Amino acid sequence: MNFQIIDLTHVLLPGEEQYSVEIKQRGKPRETPTGDIMHDVYMWSHSGTHVEVSLHFYAGGKDTASFPAERFMGPAIRLDFRHKQKDEPITLQDFQQAGDIRLGDIVILWEGRDHLYRTKDSHARPYVSEEAAEWLVYDRKIKLLGTDSSGFEVRGGHKDHPNHHLFFKEGNDIPVVECLCNLDKIPTQRFFFIGLPLPVKGLDASPIRAVALVGTPFTE
């Protein structure tokens, strides 16, 4: 089988991330060309390219360790919403016209926002309308939602977080991946997505290494 691997993950830069990432070598500095070293690592659960699960919003929700690995991988479709403006809704009609979303698909929103990562405009993005969100969850029964922006929630001062209520509700428990990159490098609309979190008890979200696999049979 011939296929291409495309990395969809922002490189983390310690000391430069909006959500802290810090590393520190343990013990004495290395004094020879070789020899074991280890690091203490401190980072927020939402650092970099990351996946959020239901514990992020619901106190009784599932943590990253409560999902099987296969929940974070599968057939995916990239939907082109680069024309959408800041604070503009992505509507049900937009989704239905953007591509053929199959039952159980992983849906990736291509908003053209990865260049805003690690800038003051990192949260300047469109959002998924409530009607569209309900259709994705209950009609298309999607497996996971991903975006190259910082979120998918209704904006403009809305405080009820309707999409968080819906996606992370018990029985739905749909993971959401944020801050993807390199979506423009995927040559086909359909591909195979992998973005595995650390399985840590009590963790609401986790940085991931997200990749796209492109080629037969992943693009069919």
Protein backbone atom coordinates (compact mmCIF):
# COMPACT_ATOMS: atom_id res chain seq x y z
CA MET A 1 0.00 0.00 0.00
CA ASN A 2 1.38 3.41 -1.01
CA PHE A 3 0.33 6.42 1.01
CA GLN A 4 1.56 9.86 2.05
CA ILE A 5 1.84 11.07 5.65
CA ILE A 6 1.14 14.76 6.26
CA ASP A 7 1.90 16.24 9.68
CA LEU A 8 -0.96 18.44 10.92
CA THR A 9 0.70 19.44 14.19
CA HIS A 10 2.16 22.75 15.33
CA VAL A 11 5.67 22.44 16.77
CA LEU A 12 5.61 23.47 20.44
CA LEU A 13 8.09 26.20 21.39
CA PRO A 14 8.83 26.23 25.13
CA GLY A 15 8.42 29.69 26.58
CA GLU A 16 6.60 31.03 23.52
CA GLU A 17 3.19 29.34 23.66
CA GLN A 18 -0.05 31.07 24.64
CA TYR A 19 -0.78 28.10 26.89
CA SER A 20 2.46 27.44 28.77
CA VAL A 21 4.98 24.83 27.71
CA GLU A 22 8.18 24.54 29.72
CA ILE A 23 10.96 21.94 29.80
CA LYS A 24 13.88 21.72 32.19
CA GLN A 25 16.69 19.20 32.20
CA ARG A 26 16.82 17.15 35.38
CA GLY A 27 20.01 16.91 37.40
CA LYS A 28 23.35 18.30 36.35
CA PRO A 29 23.91 19.64 32.82
CA ARG A 30 25.35 17.06 30.43
CA GLU A 31 29.14 17.36 30.49
CA THR A 32 30.03 14.75 27.85
CA PRO A 33 29.03 14.23 24.19
CA THR A 34 26.84 11.28 25.18
CA GLY A 35 24.90 10.13 28.21
CA ASP A 36 21.31 9.92 29.39
CA ILE A 37 19.34 13.05 30.13
CA MET A 38 15.72 13.51 31.21
CA HIS A 39 13.48 16.55 31.42
CA ASP A 40 10.77 17.84 33.68
CA VAL A 41 7.89 18.88 31.41
CA TYR A 42 5.18 21.37 32.32
CA MET A 43 2.39 22.23 29.92
CA TRP A 44 -1.28 23.09 29.85
CA SER A 45 -3.62 20.39 28.63
CA HIS A 46 -4.67 22.72 25.78
CA SER A 47 -1.17 23.51 24.57
CA GLY A 48 -0.58 23.43 20.84
CA THR A 49 -2.51 21.07 18.60
CA HIS A 50 -4.74 19.32 21.12
CA VAL A 51 -7.93 17.33 21.58
CA GLU A 52 -10.63 18.20 24.11
CA VAL A 53 -12.98 15.61 25.58
CA SER A 54 -16.14 15.81 27.67
CA LEU A 55 -14.39 16.33 31.04
CA HIS A 56 -13.31 19.69 29.65
CA PHE A 57 -16.89 20.93 30.03
CA TYR A 58 -18.83 18.48 32.22
CA ALA A 59 -17.65 17.69 35.76
CA GLY A 60 -18.84 14.11 35.28
CA GLY A 61 -17.49 13.83 31.76
CA LYS A 62 -15.00 11.35 30.36
CA ASP A 63 -11.25 11.96 30.60
CA THR A 64 -8.73 11.21 27.85
CA ALA A 65 -8.07 7.76 29.29
CA SER A 66 -11.75 6.78 29.04
CA PHE A 67 -11.82 6.70 25.23
CA PRO A 68 -10.46 3.85 23.13
CA ALA A 69 -7.62 4.82 20.81
CA GLU A 70 -9.77 4.19 17.75
CA ARG A 71 -12.04 7.10 18.70
CA PHE A 72 -9.28 9.48 17.63
CA MET A 73 -8.62 7.99 14.20
CA GLY A 74 -10.64 7.12 11.13
CA PRO A 75 -11.92 8.21 7.71
CA ALA A 76 -12.04 12.00 7.51
CA ILE A 77 -13.30 14.76 5.28
CA ARG A 78 -11.80 18.26 5.02
CA LEU A 79 -14.39 20.98 4.44
CA ASP A 80 -13.20 24.28 2.95
CA PHE A 81 -14.51 27.24 4.94
CA ARG A 82 -11.62 29.62 4.28
CA HIS A 83 -14.06 32.18 2.93
CA LYS A 84 -15.75 32.53 6.32
CA GLN A 85 -14.98 35.68 8.27
CA LYS A 86 -14.31 36.30 11.95
CA ASP A 87 -17.43 35.71 14.05
CA GLU A 88 -19.38 34.48 11.00
CA PRO A 89 -21.46 31.31 11.43
CA ILE A 90 -20.78 28.15 9.44
CA THR A 91 -24.37 27.12 8.76
CA LEU A 92 -26.09 23.83 8.08
CA GLN A 93 -26.36 24.79 4.42
CA ASP A 94 -22.63 25.53 4.35
CA PHE A 95 -21.85 22.03 5.64
CA GLN A 96 -24.21 20.32 3.25
CA GLN A 97 -22.74 22.16 0.26
CA ALA A 98 -19.08 21.73 1.29
CA GLY A 99 -18.86 17.96 0.87
CA ASP A 100 -20.43 14.55 1.30
CA ILE A 101 -20.19 13.92 5.05
CA ARG A 102 -20.68 10.20 5.62
CA LEU A 103 -22.11 8.60 8.73
CA GLY A 104 -19.43 8.36 11.41
CA ASP A 105 -16.92 10.58 9.59
CA ILE A 106 -14.24 12.65 11.25
CA VAL A 107 -14.99 16.20 10.08
CA ILE A 108 -12.12 18.67 9.70
CA LEU A 109 -12.88 22.37 9.28
CA TRP A 110 -10.37 24.10 6.99
CA GLU A 111 -10.72 27.75 8.02
CA GLY A 112 -7.29 28.96 6.93
CA ARG A 113 -6.43 30.13 10.43
CA ASP A 114 -3.26 28.17 11.22
CA HIS A 115 -1.10 31.20 10.35
CA LEU A 116 -2.73 33.04 13.28
CA TYR A 117 -1.47 30.49 15.78
CA ARG A 118 0.75 32.04 18.45
CA THR A 119 -0.39 35.58 17.52
CA LYS A 120 -2.69 38.14 19.14
CA ASP A 121 -5.35 37.21 16.57
CA SER A 122 -5.30 33.48 17.35
CA HIS A 123 -8.97 33.51 18.38
CA ALA A 124 -10.20 35.38 15.29
CA ARG A 125 -12.34 32.71 13.64
CA PRO A 126 -15.81 31.72 12.47
CA TYR A 127 -17.96 29.29 14.46
CA VAL A 128 -20.31 26.36 13.93
CA SER A 129 -23.97 27.38 14.14
CA GLU A 130 -26.17 25.54 16.64
CA GLU A 131 -28.32 24.06 13.87
CA ALA A 132 -25.28 22.76 12.02
CA ALA A 133 -23.80 21.34 15.22
CA GLU A 134 -26.98 19.41 15.96
CA TRP A 135 -27.02 18.03 12.41
CA LEU A 136 -23.41 16.86 12.69
CA VAL A 137 -24.09 15.12 16.00
CA TYR A 138 -27.54 13.60 15.48
CA ASP A 139 -27.87 13.16 11.72
CA ARG A 140 -24.30 12.50 10.58
CA LYS A 141 -23.22 11.01 13.94
CA ILE A 142 -19.69 12.25 13.43
CA LYS A 143 -16.83 10.62 15.30
CA LEU A 144 -14.69 13.71 15.93
CA LEU A 145 -14.57 17.37 14.90
CA GLY A 146 -11.33 19.16 14.09
CA THR A 147 -10.35 22.68 13.09
CA ASP A 148 -7.23 24.70 12.27
CA SER A 149 -8.56 27.53 14.45
CA SER A 150 -8.81 27.89 18.21
CA GLY A 151 -12.37 26.62 18.57
CA PHE A 152 -15.81 25.81 17.22
CA GLU A 153 -18.08 27.53 19.70
CA VAL A 154 -20.73 30.20 19.10
CA ARG A 155 -19.10 33.60 19.51
CA GLY A 156 -20.25 37.19 19.81
CA GLY A 157 -20.78 37.30 23.56
CA HIS A 158 -22.77 34.06 23.81
CA LYS A 159 -22.14 32.69 27.31
CA ASP A 160 -24.13 29.44 27.25
CA HIS A 161 -21.61 27.47 25.15
CA PRO A 162 -24.30 25.53 23.26
CA ASN A 163 -21.83 23.54 21.15
CA HIS A 164 -19.88 22.47 24.22
CA HIS A 165 -23.13 21.35 25.86
CA LEU A 166 -23.98 19.33 22.76
CA PHE A 167 -20.68 17.75 21.77
CA PHE A 168 -19.53 16.85 25.28
CA LYS A 169 -22.91 15.69 26.58
CA GLU A 170 -23.02 12.15 27.97
CA GLY A 171 -24.03 9.83 25.18
CA ASN A 172 -22.54 12.12 22.54
CA ASP A 173 -18.99 12.53 23.91
CA ILE A 174 -17.56 13.81 20.63
CA PRO A 175 -13.89 14.86 20.92
CA VAL A 176 -12.85 18.18 19.40
CA VAL A 177 -9.38 18.83 17.97
CA GLU A 178 -8.17 22.42 17.79
CA CYS A 179 -5.17 24.22 16.29
CA LEU A 180 -4.40 21.89 13.41
CA CYS A 181 -2.07 23.08 10.66
CA ASN A 182 -0.98 22.18 7.11
CA LEU A 183 -4.53 21.37 5.99
CA ASP A 184 -3.62 23.01 2.67
CA LYS A 185 -1.04 20.27 2.09
CA ILE A 186 -3.69 17.53 1.98
CA PRO A 187 -4.24 16.94 -1.76
CA THR A 188 -7.65 15.27 -1.48
CA GLN A 189 -10.85 16.06 0.37
CA ARG A 190 -11.00 12.62 1.98
CA PHE A 191 -8.14 11.08 3.96
CA PHE A 192 -7.46 9.07 7.12
CA PHE A 193 -6.95 11.09 10.30
CA ILE A 194 -4.95 10.10 13.39
CA GLY A 195 -4.62 12.31 16.48
CA LEU A 196 -3.98 10.33 19.66
CA PRO A 197 -4.04 11.94 23.13
CA LEU A 198 -2.14 10.80 26.20
CA PRO A 199 -4.42 8.43 28.15
CA VAL A 200 -4.22 10.13 31.54
CA LYS A 201 -6.84 9.64 34.24
CA GLY A 202 -8.49 12.92 35.15
CA LEU A 203 -7.17 14.81 32.08
CA ASP A 204 -9.67 17.03 30.21
CA ALA A 205 -7.59 17.51 27.06
CA SER A 206 -4.21 16.55 25.66
CA PRO A 207 -1.67 17.75 23.12
CA ILE A 208 -1.59 15.33 20.19
CA ARG A 209 0.53 14.49 17.15
CA ALA A 210 -2.04 14.74 14.37
CA VAL A 211 -1.38 13.29 10.91
CA ALA A 212 -3.26 12.72 7.68
CA LEU A 213 -2.76 9.55 5.67
CA VAL A 214 -3.47 10.12 1.97
CA GLY A 215 -3.68 7.47 -0.74
CA THR A 216 -5.73 4.44 -1.67
CA PRO A 217 -7.86 3.36 0.13
CA PHE A 218 -7.87 6.43 2.42
CA THR A 219 -9.15 8.84 -0.23
CA GLU A 220 -12.05 6.73 -1.47
